[in-house]
């Protein structure tokens, strides 16, 4: 499934000629407008979201979250956005080619499906923007730095700003709910979010 993302991105940009492509994993729930992300593609060709935005505060969180990011990739490829121009097209071609031949879960060899490849992307593509919005790609792996709330109108927020999308990784296995309980045991709005999903 992850290997299909690169060829699909290339197809939508090059063959169908869409001006912009925004990808979201099927285990993501959009909670607020994604317009700010679309606007970031006015000035940048590629958008990626890191798993983490701040150093983890405890040894347990370092082991669960920072080391996991080192093994699985700095960026979470449950989201990406690419414009059909310049480096966006170059990125789409490069990522497609890597995934066609090397999209494997082989951490000892330095591979983890589609994600680890994008650790190289900031070095290769200067028009790549790292989205540092706490409301994007919020998930169990970054709840140490993000507090979910819900306002009187029922709108979910993270650290006081709009929660744009939440990533329910490990939903079927129960791992996501386990890690949520581990890192946000008293944050009841995050459990409301899980129940609504």
C-alpha atoms as a PDB file:
ATOM      1  CA  UNK A   1       0.000   0.000   0.000  1.00  0.00           C
ATOM      2  CA  UNK A   2       2.738   2.484   0.886  1.00  0.00           C
ATOM      3  CA  UNK A   3       4.614   1.738  -2.332  1.00  0.00           C
ATOM      4  CA  UNK A   4       1.554   2.845  -4.326  1.00  0.00           C
ATOM      5  CA  UNK A   5       1.708   6.386  -2.905  1.00  0.00           C
ATOM      6  CA  UNK A   6       4.703   7.489  -4.986  1.00  0.00           C
ATOM      7  CA  UNK A   7       3.382   6.278  -8.354  1.00  0.00           C
ATOM      8  CA  UNK A   8      -0.071   7.686  -7.524  1.00  0.00           C
ATOM      9  CA  UNK A   9       1.389  11.098  -6.656  1.00  0.00           C
ATOM     10  CA  UNK A  10       3.350  11.128  -9.915  1.00  0.00           C
ATOM     11  CA  UNK A  11       0.252  10.050 -11.879  1.00  0.00           C
ATOM     12  CA  UNK A  12      -1.952  12.797 -10.443  1.00  0.00           C
ATOM     13  CA  UNK A  13       0.661  15.501 -11.016  1.00  0.00           C
ATOM     14  CA  UNK A  14       2.131  14.464 -14.368  1.00  0.00           C
ATOM     15  CA  UNK A  15      -0.480  12.428 -16.207  1.00  0.00           C
ATOM     16  CA  UNK A  16      -3.700  13.979 -14.850  1.00  0.00           C
ATOM     17  CA  UNK A  17      -1.975  17.379 -14.482  1.00  0.00           C
ATOM     18  CA  UNK A  18      -3.527  18.426 -11.173  1.00  0.00           C
ATOM     19  CA  UNK A  19      -1.929  21.663  -9.959  1.00  0.00           C
ATOM     20  CA  UNK A  20      -1.660  20.412  -6.364  1.00  0.00           C
ATOM     21  CA  UNK A  21      -2.016  17.047  -4.678  1.00  0.00           C
ATOM     22  CA  UNK A  22      -2.621  16.627  -0.968  1.00  0.00           C
ATOM     23  CA  UNK A  23      -2.467  13.084   0.403  1.00  0.00           C
ATOM     24  CA  UNK A  24      -4.008  11.922   3.700  1.00  0.00           C
ATOM     25  CA  UNK A  25      -3.837   8.366   5.043  1.00  0.00           C
ATOM     26  CA  UNK A  26      -7.227   6.655   5.438  1.00  0.00           C
ATOM     27  CA  UNK A  27      -6.766   6.601   9.237  1.00  0.00           C
ATOM     28  CA  UNK A  28      -6.755  10.411   9.430  1.00  0.00           C
ATOM     29  CA  UNK A  29      -9.726  12.521  10.495  1.00  0.00           C
ATOM     30  CA  UNK A  30      -9.894  16.109   9.251  1.00  0.00           C
ATOM     31  CA  UNK A  31     -11.205  18.330  12.042  1.00  0.00           C
ATOM     32  CA  UNK A  32     -10.714  21.871  10.709  1.00  0.00           C
ATOM     33  CA  UNK A  33      -9.891  23.626   7.448  1.00  0.00           C
ATOM     34  CA  UNK A  34      -6.783  22.616   5.511  1.00  0.00           C
ATOM     35  CA  UNK A  35      -6.720  25.967   3.678  1.00  0.00           C
ATOM     36  CA  UNK A  36      -3.513  27.120   5.457  1.00  0.00           C
ATOM     37  CA  UNK A  37      -1.718  24.062   4.044  1.00  0.00           C
ATOM     38  CA  UNK A  38      -3.007  24.815   0.569  1.00  0.00           C
ATOM     39  CA  UNK A  39      -1.746  28.400   0.955  1.00  0.00           C
ATOM     40  CA  UNK A  40       1.731  27.115   1.918  1.00  0.00           C
ATOM     41  CA  UNK A  41       1.911  25.520  -1.536  1.00  0.00           C
ATOM     42  CA  UNK A  42       1.831  29.033  -3.039  1.00  0.00           C
ATOM     43  CA  UNK A  43       5.431  29.545  -1.867  1.00  0.00           C
ATOM     44  CA  UNK A  44       6.694  25.961  -1.534  1.00  0.00           C
ATOM     45  CA  UNK A  45       6.667  22.934  -3.825  1.00  0.00           C
ATOM     46  CA  UNK A  46       6.551  20.184  -1.163  1.00  0.00           C
ATOM     47  CA  UNK A  47       5.039  20.025   2.341  1.00  0.00           C
ATOM     48  CA  UNK A  48       5.965  17.410   4.951  1.00  0.00           C
ATOM     49  CA  UNK A  49       5.020  17.054   8.635  1.00  0.00           C
ATOM     50  CA  UNK A  50       7.534  15.770  11.185  1.00  0.00           C
ATOM     51  CA  UNK A  51       6.487  13.196  13.759  1.00  0.00           C
ATOM     52  CA  UNK A  52       7.758  15.498  16.516  1.00  0.00           C
ATOM     53  CA  UNK A  53       8.194  19.250  16.900  1.00  0.00           C
ATOM     54  CA  UNK A  54       9.945  19.386  20.281  1.00  0.00           C
ATOM     55  CA  UNK A  55      12.494  17.244  22.152  1.00  0.00           C
ATOM     56  CA  UNK A  56      10.768  14.601  24.252  1.00  0.00           C
ATOM     57  CA  UNK A  57      10.639  15.353  27.999  1.00  0.00           C
ATOM     58  CA  UNK A  58      11.241  11.925  29.566  1.00  0.00           C
ATOM     59  CA  UNK A  59      13.382   8.859  28.990  1.00  0.00           C
ATOM     60  CA  UNK A  60      10.232   6.834  28.298  1.00  0.00           C
ATOM     61  CA  UNK A  61       9.079   9.345  25.651  1.00  0.00           C
ATOM     62  CA  UNK A  62      12.556   9.446  24.100  1.00  0.00           C
ATOM     63  CA  UNK A  63      12.492   5.659  23.774  1.00  0.00           C
ATOM     64  CA  UNK A  64       8.906   5.520  22.492  1.00  0.00           C
ATOM     65  CA  UNK A  65       8.891   8.569  20.238  1.00  0.00           C
ATOM     66  CA  UNK A  66      12.331   9.921  19.323  1.00  0.00           C
ATOM     67  CA  UNK A  67      13.901   6.506  18.770  1.00  0.00           C
ATOM     68  CA  UNK A  68      10.814   5.413  16.799  1.00  0.00           C
ATOM     69  CA  UNK A  69      11.232   8.487  14.578  1.00  0.00           C
ATOM     70  CA  UNK A  70      14.881   7.591  14.027  1.00  0.00           C
ATOM     71  CA  UNK A  71      13.834   4.063  13.004  1.00  0.00           C
ATOM     72  CA  UNK A  72      10.728   4.901  10.960  1.00  0.00           C
ATOM     73  CA  UNK A  73      11.475   8.372   9.613  1.00  0.00           C
ATOM     74  CA  UNK A  74      11.566  11.966  10.810  1.00  0.00           C
ATOM     75  CA  UNK A  75       8.484  12.756   8.718  1.00  0.00           C
ATOM     76  CA  UNK A  76       5.120  11.032   8.869  1.00  0.00           C
ATOM     77  CA  UNK A  77       4.014  10.273   5.336  1.00  0.00           C
ATOM     78  CA  UNK A  78       0.381   9.905   6.362  1.00  0.00           C
ATOM     79  CA  UNK A  79       0.318  13.436   4.956  1.00  0.00           C
ATOM     80  CA  UNK A  80       2.139  15.203   2.177  1.00  0.00           C
ATOM     81  CA  UNK A  81       1.293  17.919  -0.298  1.00  0.00           C
ATOM     82  CA  UNK A  82       3.037  18.645  -3.594  1.00  0.00           C
ATOM     83  CA  UNK A  83       2.609  21.294  -6.291  1.00  0.00           C
ATOM     84  CA  UNK A  84       2.979  20.509 -10.008  1.00  0.00           C
ATOM     85  CA  UNK A  85       6.000  22.667 -10.697  1.00  0.00           C
ATOM     86  CA  UNK A  86       9.773  22.653 -10.351  1.00  0.00           C
ATOM     87  CA  UNK A  87      10.910  20.655  -7.369  1.00  0.00           C
ATOM     88  CA  UNK A  88       7.433  19.256  -6.753  1.00  0.00           C
ATOM     89  CA  UNK A  89       7.719  17.306  -9.992  1.00  0.00           C
ATOM     90  CA  UNK A  90      11.312  16.322  -9.243  1.00  0.00           C
ATOM     91  CA  UNK A  91      10.300  15.095  -5.785  1.00  0.00           C
ATOM     92  CA  UNK A  92       7.370  13.099  -7.203  1.00  0.00           C
ATOM     93  CA  UNK A  93       9.628  11.390  -9.749  1.00  0.00           C
ATOM     94  CA  UNK A  94      12.377  10.656  -7.180  1.00  0.00           C
ATOM     95  CA  UNK A  95       9.977   9.310  -4.516  1.00  0.00           C
ATOM     96  CA  UNK A  96       8.095   7.209  -7.085  1.00  0.00           C
ATOM     97  CA  UNK A  97      11.333   5.631  -8.308  1.00  0.00           C
ATOM     98  CA  UNK A  98      12.575   4.853  -4.788  1.00  0.00           C
ATOM     99  CA  UNK A  99       9.278   3.292  -3.752  1.00  0.00           C
ATOM    100  CA  UNK A 100       9.028   1.141  -6.860  1.00  0.00           C
ATOM    101  CA  UNK A 101      12.331  -0.563  -6.023  1.00  0.00           C
ATOM    102  CA  UNK A 102      12.982  -0.020  -2.307  1.00  0.00           C
ATOM    103  CA  UNK A 103       9.698   0.276  -0.386  1.00  0.00           C
ATOM    104  CA  UNK A 104      10.480  -2.370   2.237  1.00  0.00           C
ATOM    105  CA  UNK A 105      10.151  -2.708   6.000  1.00  0.00           C
ATOM    106  CA  UNK A 106      13.819  -3.505   6.618  1.00  0.00           C
ATOM    107  CA  UNK A 107      14.913  -1.259   9.487  1.00  0.00           C
ATOM    108  CA  UNK A 108      18.306  -3.005   9.962  1.00  0.00           C
ATOM    109  CA  UNK A 109      19.104  -2.086   6.345  1.00  0.00           C
ATOM    110  CA  UNK A 110      17.915   1.504   6.834  1.00  0.00           C
ATOM    111  CA  UNK A 111      14.557   1.126   5.075  1.00  0.00           C
ATOM    112  CA  UNK A 112      11.065   1.676   6.392  1.00  0.00           C
ATOM    113  CA  UNK A 113       8.498   1.600   3.601  1.00  0.00           C
ATOM    114  CA  UNK A 114       7.829   5.062   2.120  1.00  0.00           C
ATOM    115  CA  UNK A 115       8.854   7.150   5.131  1.00  0.00           C
ATOM    116  CA  UNK A 116      12.594   6.860   5.672  1.00  0.00           C
ATOM    117  CA  UNK A 117      13.262   7.993   2.108  1.00  0.00           C
ATOM    118  CA  UNK A 118      11.859  11.402   2.950  1.00  0.00           C
ATOM    119  CA  UNK A 119      14.536  11.956   5.613  1.00  0.00           C
ATOM    120  CA  UNK A 120      16.724  12.755   2.574  1.00  0.00           C
ATOM    121  CA  UNK A 121      14.203  15.119   0.992  1.00  0.00           C
ATOM    122  CA  UNK A 122      15.218  18.374   2.802  1.00  0.00           C
ATOM    123  CA  UNK A 123      18.771  17.831   1.527  1.00  0.00           C
ATOM    124  CA  UNK A 124      17.648  17.233  -2.054  1.00  0.00           C
ATOM    125  CA  UNK A 125      14.808  19.777  -2.401  1.00  0.00           C
ATOM    126  CA  UNK A 126      15.261  23.366  -1.217  1.00  0.00           C
ATOM    127  CA  UNK A 127      11.626  24.256  -1.938  1.00  0.00           C
ATOM    128  CA  UNK A 128      10.401  21.781   0.688  1.00  0.00           C
ATOM    129  CA  UNK A 129       8.535  23.271   3.637  1.00  0.00           C
ATOM    130  CA  UNK A 130       8.481  21.497   6.993  1.00  0.00           C
ATOM    131  CA  UNK A 131       5.020  22.146   8.450  1.00  0.00           C
ATOM    132  CA  UNK A 132       5.477  23.057  12.105  1.00  0.00           C
ATOM    133  CA  UNK A 133       1.779  23.402  12.912  1.00  0.00           C
ATOM    134  CA  UNK A 134       0.853  21.421  16.049  1.00  0.00           C
ATOM    135  CA  UNK A 135      -2.607  20.946  14.543  1.00  0.00           C
ATOM    136  CA  UNK A 136      -1.261  18.858  11.657  1.00  0.00           C
ATOM    137  CA  UNK A 137      -0.633  15.135  12.037  1.00  0.00           C
ATOM    138  CA  UNK A 138      -1.387  15.111  15.737  1.00  0.00           C
ATOM    139  CA  UNK A 139      -1.223  11.502  16.916  1.00  0.00           C
ATOM    140  CA  UNK A 140      -0.408   9.253  19.850  1.00  0.00           C
ATOM    141  CA  UNK A 141       3.324   9.622  19.145  1.00  0.00           C
ATOM    142  CA  UNK A 142       3.327  13.385  19.783  1.00  0.00           C
ATOM    143  CA  UNK A 143       0.831  13.864  22.614  1.00  0.00           C
ATOM    144  CA  UNK A 144       3.720  14.756  24.938  1.00  0.00           C
ATOM    145  CA  UNK A 145       3.858  18.124  23.138  1.00  0.00           C
ATOM    146  CA  UNK A 146       0.204  18.580  22.209  1.00  0.00           C
ATOM    147  CA  UNK A 147      -2.840  19.075  24.430  1.00  0.00           C
ATOM    148  CA  UNK A 148      -6.219  18.472  22.809  1.00  0.00           C
ATOM    149  CA  UNK A 149      -9.127  20.658  23.946  1.00  0.00           C
ATOM    150  CA  UNK A 150     -12.648  21.237  22.722  1.00  0.00           C
ATOM    151  CA  UNK A 151     -14.290  24.642  22.746  1.00  0.00           C
ATOM    152  CA  UNK A 152     -17.925  25.427  23.575  1.00  0.00           C
ATOM    153  CA  UNK A 153     -18.845  25.032  19.909  1.00  0.00           C
ATOM    154  CA  UNK A 154     -17.449  21.487  19.829  1.00  0.00           C
ATOM    155  CA  UNK A 155     -14.371  22.432  17.778  1.00  0.00           C
ATOM    156  CA  UNK A 156     -11.229  20.451  18.584  1.00  0.00           C
ATOM    157  CA  UNK A 157      -8.057  22.433  19.215  1.00  0.00           C
ATOM    158  CA  UNK A 158      -4.470  21.560  19.984  1.00  0.00           C
ATOM    159  CA  UNK A 159      -2.366  23.876  22.156  1.00  0.00           C
ATOM    160  CA  UNK A 160      -5.105  26.483  21.676  1.00  0.00           C
ATOM    161  CA  UNK A 161      -4.988  26.424  17.853  1.00  0.00           C
ATOM    162  CA  UNK A 162      -7.259  24.540  15.410  1.00  0.00           C
ATOM    163  CA  UNK A 163      -6.664  20.796  15.273  1.00  0.00           C
ATOM    164  CA  UNK A 164      -6.475  20.385  11.504  1.00  0.00           C
ATOM    165  CA  UNK A 165      -6.164  16.592  11.343  1.00  0.00           C
ATOM    166  CA  UNK A 166      -5.608  13.716  13.754  1.00  0.00           C
ATOM    167  CA  UNK A 167      -3.828  10.510  12.761  1.00  0.00           C
ATOM    168  CA  UNK A 168      -5.343   7.379  14.337  1.00  0.00           C
ATOM    169  CA  UNK A 169      -2.362   5.121  13.735  1.00  0.00           C
ATOM    170  CA  UNK A 170      -2.679   1.693  15.322  1.00  0.00           C
ATOM    171  CA  UNK A 171      -6.463   1.961  15.467  1.00  0.00           C
ATOM    172  CA  UNK A 172      -7.194  -1.653  14.509  1.00  0.00           C
ATOM    173  CA  UNK A 173      -4.419  -3.195  16.613  1.00  0.00           C
ATOM    174  CA  UNK A 174      -5.241  -1.124  19.704  1.00  0.00           C
ATOM    175  CA  UNK A 175      -1.674   0.233  19.817  1.00  0.00           C
ATOM    176  CA  UNK A 176      -2.807   3.801  19.141  1.00  0.00           C
ATOM    177  CA  UNK A 177      -5.323   3.842  21.981  1.00  0.00           C
ATOM    178  CA  UNK A 178      -2.761   2.231  24.304  1.00  0.00           C
ATOM    179  CA  UNK A 179      -0.171   4.940  23.515  1.00  0.00           C
ATOM    180  CA  UNK A 180      -2.828   7.649  23.846  1.00  0.00           C
ATOM    181  CA  UNK A 181      -3.717   6.381  27.332  1.00  0.00           C
ATOM    182  CA  UNK A 182      -0.002   6.242  28.174  1.00  0.00           C
ATOM    183  CA  UNK A 183       0.750   9.844  27.135  1.00  0.00           C
ATOM    184  CA  UNK A 184      -2.571  11.650  27.634  1.00  0.00           C
ATOM    185  CA  UNK A 185      -4.371   9.718  30.393  1.00  0.00           C
ATOM    186  CA  UNK A 186      -6.252  12.768  31.722  1.00  0.00           C
ATOM    187  CA  UNK A 187      -6.839  14.554  28.411  1.00  0.00           C
ATOM    188  CA  UNK A 188     -10.509  13.600  27.955  1.00  0.00           C
ATOM    189  CA  UNK A 189     -11.042  15.529  24.681  1.00  0.00           C
ATOM    190  CA  UNK A 190      -8.531  13.246  22.918  1.00  0.00           C
ATOM    191  CA  UNK A 191     -10.651  10.249  23.950  1.00  0.00           C
ATOM    192  CA  UNK A 192     -13.764  12.069  22.675  1.00  0.00           C
ATOM    193  CA  UNK A 193     -11.911  12.377  19.374  1.00  0.00           C
ATOM    194  CA  UNK A 194     -11.189   8.624  19.333  1.00  0.00           C
ATOM    195  CA  UNK A 195     -14.827   7.835  20.125  1.00  0.00           C
ATOM    196  CA  UNK A 196     -16.088  10.107  17.348  1.00  0.00           C
ATOM    197  CA  UNK A 197     -13.676   8.517  14.883  1.00  0.00           C
END
